[in-house]
Amino acid sequence: MRRIALAVSFALLVTAVTAAAESGPAASPPAPSPAEATLKAWNEAYAMLIEMAEDFPEEKYDFKPTPEVRSFAEQLLHVTGSPYFFISVCSGQRGGEGPFTREKYKTKAEVVAALKKAAEAGAAFIGEQGDAGLNKPAKLPWEKEASSALWVWSVGARHASEHYGQLVVYYRLNGLVPPASR
């Protein structure tokens, strides 16, 4: 009886392997387009900043590791202005609500709302441009040669991620654990 069960199991296994081999390799989903990949990087970078902005205690929003550097809120307001800068570089049109100063955005709620709106503006621009628009020439002011809007937005996502890393230090210096490390 045991041999029969083993033989049946073996036959079923061979049948399954043969059927899988005959049907060919499993179709993998297509790779994201450059615009989709850029949008994903953008959204992930800003989602981490927004999570920090919502999580960090409001009474510590003006904390500075040293007097010479930006406060927590000023760091967030700096990256709040960035999407509008990148939109202007890629479109030639100025946009946004700037300047993003602590005098204008006094509360945590105001900073968070401005950051969310800016992140959405950047995401909307990337989505509207698609691959064709992101393939157009664009030049950051500090670069010698033009590249593409795709490059500009990848710099934007990296910039946001760099500020995330800086804000991790603000958390640690206050004895707090950043959201992504919990």
C-alpha atoms as a PDB file:
ATOM      1  CA  MET A   1       0.000   0.000   0.000  1.00  0.00           C
ATOM      2  CA  ARG A   2       2.821   2.338   0.875  1.00  0.00           C
ATOM      3  CA  ARG A   3       4.532   1.669  -2.479  1.00  0.00           C
ATOM      4  CA  ILE A   4       1.331   2.436  -4.350  1.00  0.00           C
ATOM      5  CA  ALA A   5       0.915   5.753  -2.508  1.00  0.00           C
ATOM      6  CA  LEU A   6       4.549   6.631  -3.225  1.00  0.00           C
ATOM      7  CA  ALA A   7       4.161   5.709  -6.900  1.00  0.00           C
ATOM      8  CA  VAL A   8       0.982   7.786  -7.200  1.00  0.00           C
ATOM      9  CA  SER A   9       2.666  10.760  -5.480  1.00  0.00           C
ATOM     10  CA  PHE A  10       5.660  10.453  -7.813  1.00  0.00           C
ATOM     11  CA  ALA A  11       3.407  10.262 -10.867  1.00  0.00           C
ATOM     12  CA  LEU A  12       1.497  13.362  -9.765  1.00  0.00           C
ATOM     13  CA  LEU A  13       4.769  15.222  -9.206  1.00  0.00           C
ATOM     14  CA  VAL A  14       6.087  14.284 -12.653  1.00  0.00           C
ATOM     15  CA  THR A  15       2.789  15.323 -14.236  1.00  0.00           C
ATOM     16  CA  ALA A  16       2.846  18.688 -12.465  1.00  0.00           C
ATOM     17  CA  VAL A  17       6.475  19.386 -13.411  1.00  0.00           C
ATOM     18  CA  THR A  18       5.861  18.362 -17.000  1.00  0.00           C
ATOM     19  CA  ALA A  19       2.773  20.561 -17.260  1.00  0.00           C
ATOM     20  CA  ALA A  20       4.650  23.522 -15.808  1.00  0.00           C
ATOM     21  CA  ALA A  21       7.558  23.026 -18.212  1.00  0.00           C
ATOM     22  CA  GLU A  22       5.235  22.794 -21.195  1.00  0.00           C
ATOM     23  CA  SER A  23       3.387  25.958 -20.286  1.00  0.00           C
ATOM     24  CA  GLY A  24       6.663  27.927 -20.338  1.00  0.00           C
ATOM     25  CA  PRO A  25       8.084  30.262 -17.774  1.00  0.00           C
ATOM     26  CA  ALA A  26       5.693  32.188 -15.606  1.00  0.00           C
ATOM     27  CA  ALA A  27       5.070  35.605 -17.040  1.00  0.00           C
ATOM     28  CA  SER A  28       6.597  38.235 -14.836  1.00  0.00           C
ATOM     29  CA  PRO A  29       4.999  41.633 -14.612  1.00  0.00           C
ATOM     30  CA  PRO A  30       6.521  44.256 -16.887  1.00  0.00           C
ATOM     31  CA  ALA A  31       9.172  46.507 -15.406  1.00  0.00           C
ATOM     32  CA  PRO A  32       7.880  49.935 -14.445  1.00  0.00           C
ATOM     33  CA  SER A  33       8.385  52.722 -16.937  1.00  0.00           C
ATOM     34  CA  PRO A  34      10.913  55.435 -16.068  1.00  0.00           C
ATOM     35  CA  ALA A  35       8.079  57.760 -15.042  1.00  0.00           C
ATOM     36  CA  GLU A  36       6.482  55.064 -12.860  1.00  0.00           C
ATOM     37  CA  ALA A  37       9.812  54.294 -11.180  1.00  0.00           C
ATOM     38  CA  THR A  38      10.497  57.998 -10.602  1.00  0.00           C
ATOM     39  CA  LEU A  39       7.031  58.528  -9.163  1.00  0.00           C
ATOM     40  CA  LYS A  40       7.500  55.559  -6.836  1.00  0.00           C
ATOM     41  CA  ALA A  41      10.850  56.911  -5.571  1.00  0.00           C
ATOM     42  CA  TRP A  42       9.326  60.376  -5.120  1.00  0.00           C
ATOM     43  CA  ASN A  43       6.281  59.108  -3.237  1.00  0.00           C
ATOM     44  CA  GLU A  44       8.338  56.857  -0.966  1.00  0.00           C
ATOM     45  CA  ALA A  45      10.789  59.647  -0.060  1.00  0.00           C
ATOM     46  CA  TYR A  46       8.030  62.131   0.740  1.00  0.00           C
ATOM     47  CA  ALA A  47       5.927  59.540   2.579  1.00  0.00           C
ATOM     48  CA  MET A  48       8.816  59.026   5.007  1.00  0.00           C
ATOM     49  CA  LEU A  49       9.147  62.786   5.551  1.00  0.00           C
ATOM     50  CA  ILE A  50       5.407  63.202   6.049  1.00  0.00           C
ATOM     51  CA  GLU A  51       5.391  60.365   8.569  1.00  0.00           C
ATOM     52  CA  MET A  52       8.171  62.116  10.493  1.00  0.00           C
ATOM     53  CA  ALA A  53       6.394  65.467  10.296  1.00  0.00           C
ATOM     54  CA  GLU A  54       3.234  63.931  11.745  1.00  0.00           C
ATOM     55  CA  ASP A  55       5.088  61.930  14.382  1.00  0.00           C
ATOM     56  CA  PHE A  56       7.668  64.352  15.810  1.00  0.00           C
ATOM     57  CA  PRO A  57       6.420  66.204  18.906  1.00  0.00           C
ATOM     58  CA  GLU A  58       5.254  69.733  18.124  1.00  0.00           C
ATOM     59  CA  GLU A  59       7.058  71.117  21.172  1.00  0.00           C
ATOM     60  CA  LYS A  60      10.331  69.942  19.571  1.00  0.00           C
ATOM     61  CA  TYR A  61       9.672  71.383  16.100  1.00  0.00           C
ATOM     62  CA  ASP A  62      12.118  74.232  16.751  1.00  0.00           C
ATOM     63  CA  PHE A  63      14.881  71.923  17.999  1.00  0.00           C
ATOM     64  CA  LYS A  64      18.293  72.455  16.380  1.00  0.00           C
ATOM     65  CA  PRO A  65      21.248  70.123  16.950  1.00  0.00           C
ATOM     66  CA  THR A  66      23.479  73.223  16.868  1.00  0.00           C
ATOM     67  CA  PRO A  67      22.566  76.909  16.556  1.00  0.00           C
ATOM     68  CA  GLU A  68      23.982  77.114  13.016  1.00  0.00           C
ATOM     69  CA  VAL A  69      21.665  74.551  11.409  1.00  0.00           C
ATOM     70  CA  ARG A  70      17.993  74.490  10.541  1.00  0.00           C
ATOM     71  CA  SER A  71      15.426  73.443  13.107  1.00  0.00           C
ATOM     72  CA  PHE A  72      13.325  70.323  12.565  1.00  0.00           C
ATOM     73  CA  ALA A  73      10.496  72.486  11.191  1.00  0.00           C
ATOM     74  CA  GLU A  74      12.874  74.482   8.979  1.00  0.00           C
ATOM     75  CA  GLN A  75      14.236  71.239   7.494  1.00  0.00           C
ATOM     76  CA  LEU A  76      10.696  70.172   6.637  1.00  0.00           C
ATOM     77  CA  LEU A  77       9.866  73.578   5.192  1.00  0.00           C
ATOM     78  CA  HIS A  78      13.021  73.458   3.075  1.00  0.00           C
ATOM     79  CA  VAL A  79      11.931  70.178   1.458  1.00  0.00           C
ATOM     80  CA  THR A  80       8.412  71.585   1.165  1.00  0.00           C
ATOM     81  CA  GLY A  81       9.716  74.182  -1.268  1.00  0.00           C
ATOM     82  CA  SER A  82      11.661  71.650  -3.304  1.00  0.00           C
ATOM     83  CA  PRO A  83       8.842  70.215  -5.451  1.00  0.00           C
ATOM     84  CA  TYR A  84       7.945  73.697  -6.629  1.00  0.00           C
ATOM     85  CA  PHE A  85      11.586  74.362  -7.491  1.00  0.00           C
ATOM     86  CA  PHE A  86      11.793  71.143  -9.530  1.00  0.00           C
ATOM     87  CA  ILE A  87       8.508  71.954 -11.286  1.00  0.00           C
ATOM     88  CA  SER A  88       9.876  75.359 -12.276  1.00  0.00           C
ATOM     89  CA  VAL A  89      13.144  73.818 -13.537  1.00  0.00           C
ATOM     90  CA  CYS A  90      11.257  71.295 -15.689  1.00  0.00           C
ATOM     91  CA  SER A  91       8.431  73.509 -16.902  1.00  0.00           C
ATOM     92  CA  GLY A  92       9.938  76.976 -16.917  1.00  0.00           C
ATOM     93  CA  GLN A  93       6.958  78.141 -14.862  1.00  0.00           C
ATOM     94  CA  ARG A  94       7.161  79.319 -11.305  1.00  0.00           C
ATOM     95  CA  GLY A  95       4.677  77.746  -8.929  1.00  0.00           C
ATOM     96  CA  GLY A  96       3.953  77.120  -5.310  1.00  0.00           C
ATOM     97  CA  GLU A  97       3.136  79.000  -2.197  1.00  0.00           C
ATOM     98  CA  GLY A  98       6.645  79.955  -1.049  1.00  0.00           C
ATOM     99  CA  PRO A  99       8.453  81.206   0.736  1.00  0.00           C
ATOM    100  CA  PHE A 100       8.275  78.357   3.200  1.00  0.00           C
ATOM    101  CA  THR A 101       9.366  80.023   6.409  1.00  0.00           C
ATOM    102  CA  ARG A 102       8.725  79.353  10.049  1.00  0.00           C
ATOM    103  CA  GLU A 103       7.146  82.791  10.311  1.00  0.00           C
ATOM    104  CA  LYS A 104       4.514  81.790   7.763  1.00  0.00           C
ATOM    105  CA  TYR A 105       4.040  78.173   8.938  1.00  0.00           C
ATOM    106  CA  LYS A 106       3.868  78.465  12.720  1.00  0.00           C
ATOM    107  CA  THR A 107       2.208  75.207  13.790  1.00  0.00           C
ATOM    108  CA  LYS A 108       2.912  71.552  13.235  1.00  0.00           C
ATOM    109  CA  ALA A 109      -0.424  71.199  11.441  1.00  0.00           C
ATOM    110  CA  GLU A 110       0.486  73.991   9.023  1.00  0.00           C
ATOM    111  CA  VAL A 111       3.894  72.471   8.285  1.00  0.00           C
ATOM    112  CA  VAL A 112       2.416  69.002   7.745  1.00  0.00           C
ATOM    113  CA  ALA A 113      -0.322  70.339   5.449  1.00  0.00           C
ATOM    114  CA  ALA A 114       2.170  72.332   3.370  1.00  0.00           C
ATOM    115  CA  LEU A 115       4.509  69.340   3.080  1.00  0.00           C
ATOM    116  CA  LYS A 116       1.671  67.065   1.965  1.00  0.00           C
ATOM    117  CA  LYS A 117       0.472  69.582  -0.610  1.00  0.00           C
ATOM    118  CA  ALA A 118       3.986  70.001  -1.986  1.00  0.00           C
ATOM    119  CA  ALA A 119       4.539  66.235  -2.204  1.00  0.00           C
ATOM    120  CA  GLU A 120       1.256  65.901  -4.085  1.00  0.00           C
ATOM    121  CA  ALA A 121       2.226  68.713  -6.468  1.00  0.00           C
ATOM    122  CA  GLY A 122       5.492  66.939  -7.289  1.00  0.00           C
ATOM    123  CA  ALA A 123       3.758  63.599  -7.767  1.00  0.00           C
ATOM    124  CA  ALA A 124       1.092  65.155  -9.973  1.00  0.00           C
ATOM    125  CA  PHE A 125       3.716  66.818 -12.162  1.00  0.00           C
ATOM    126  CA  ILE A 126       5.663  63.573 -12.587  1.00  0.00           C
ATOM    127  CA  GLY A 127       2.449  61.704 -13.413  1.00  0.00           C
ATOM    128  CA  GLU A 128       1.300  64.331 -15.910  1.00  0.00           C
ATOM    129  CA  GLN A 129       4.658  64.389 -17.676  1.00  0.00           C
ATOM    130  CA  GLY A 130       4.935  60.649 -18.138  1.00  0.00           C
ATOM    131  CA  ASP A 131       7.921  59.174 -19.932  1.00  0.00           C
ATOM    132  CA  ALA A 132       7.764  61.615 -22.835  1.00  0.00           C
ATOM    133  CA  GLY A 133       7.724  64.700 -20.629  1.00  0.00           C
ATOM    134  CA  LEU A 134      10.396  63.411 -18.293  1.00  0.00           C
ATOM    135  CA  ASN A 135      12.609  62.714 -21.297  1.00  0.00           C
ATOM    136  CA  LYS A 136      12.671  66.408 -22.240  1.00  0.00           C
ATOM    137  CA  PRO A 137      15.846  68.401 -21.589  1.00  0.00           C
ATOM    138  CA  ALA A 138      16.091  70.137 -18.236  1.00  0.00           C
ATOM    139  CA  LYS A 139      18.982  71.736 -16.402  1.00  0.00           C
ATOM    140  CA  LEU A 140      19.504  72.315 -12.727  1.00  0.00           C
ATOM    141  CA  PRO A 141      20.995  75.786 -12.118  1.00  0.00           C
ATOM    142  CA  TRP A 142      24.229  74.443 -10.639  1.00  0.00           C
ATOM    143  CA  GLU A 143      24.928  71.976 -13.443  1.00  0.00           C
ATOM    144  CA  LYS A 144      26.994  72.901 -16.507  1.00  0.00           C
ATOM    145  CA  GLU A 145      25.021  70.839 -18.993  1.00  0.00           C
ATOM    146  CA  ALA A 146      21.368  70.054 -19.438  1.00  0.00           C
ATOM    147  CA  SER A 147      20.206  66.556 -18.690  1.00  0.00           C
ATOM    148  CA  SER A 148      16.555  65.519 -18.571  1.00  0.00           C
ATOM    149  CA  ALA A 149      13.544  66.145 -16.394  1.00  0.00           C
ATOM    150  CA  LEU A 150      13.873  62.517 -15.329  1.00  0.00           C
ATOM    151  CA  TRP A 151      17.307  63.341 -13.887  1.00  0.00           C
ATOM    152  CA  VAL A 152      15.954  66.446 -12.163  1.00  0.00           C
ATOM    153  CA  TRP A 153      13.218  64.448 -10.427  1.00  0.00           C
ATOM    154  CA  SER A 154      15.625  61.698  -9.411  1.00  0.00           C
ATOM    155  CA  VAL A 155      17.749  64.434  -7.800  1.00  0.00           C
ATOM    156  CA  GLY A 156      14.561  65.640  -6.090  1.00  0.00           C
ATOM    157  CA  ALA A 157      13.790  62.225  -4.611  1.00  0.00           C
ATOM    158  CA  ARG A 158      17.390  61.865  -3.481  1.00  0.00           C
ATOM    159  CA  HIS A 159      17.292  65.344  -1.923  1.00  0.00           C
ATOM    160  CA  ALA A 160      14.194  64.430   0.081  1.00  0.00           C
ATOM    161  CA  SER A 161      15.861  61.216   1.233  1.00  0.00           C
ATOM    162  CA  GLU A 162      18.959  63.113   2.336  1.00  0.00           C
ATOM    163  CA  HIS A 163      16.811  65.349   4.523  1.00  0.00           C
ATOM    164  CA  TYR A 164      15.101  62.291   5.943  1.00  0.00           C
ATOM    165  CA  GLY A 165      18.540  61.085   7.014  1.00  0.00           C
ATOM    166  CA  GLN A 166      19.299  64.428   8.622  1.00  0.00           C
ATOM    167  CA  LEU A 167      16.022  64.355  10.528  1.00  0.00           C
ATOM    168  CA  VAL A 168      16.841  60.906  11.902  1.00  0.00           C
ATOM    169  CA  VAL A 169      19.627  62.657  13.828  1.00  0.00           C
ATOM    170  CA  TYR A 170      17.089  65.107  15.290  1.00  0.00           C
ATOM    171  CA  TYR A 171      15.052  62.149  16.510  1.00  0.00           C
ATOM    172  CA  ARG A 172      18.041  60.405  18.058  1.00  0.00           C
ATOM    173  CA  LEU A 173      19.324  63.552  19.782  1.00  0.00           C
ATOM    174  CA  ASN A 174      15.906  63.869  21.409  1.00  0.00           C
ATOM    175  CA  GLY A 175      15.918  60.266  22.607  1.00  0.00           C
ATOM    176  CA  LEU A 176      13.257  59.301  20.043  1.00  0.00           C
ATOM    177  CA  VAL A 177      13.168  56.421  17.584  1.00  0.00           C
ATOM    178  CA  PRO A 178      12.348  57.409  13.985  1.00  0.00           C
ATOM    179  CA  PRO A 179       9.197  55.803  12.560  1.00  0.00           C
ATOM    180  CA  ALA A 180      11.044  53.650  10.024  1.00  0.00           C
ATOM    181  CA  SER A 181      13.266  52.208  12.764  1.00  0.00           C
ATOM    182  CA  ARG A 182      10.439  51.071  15.020  1.00  0.00           C
END
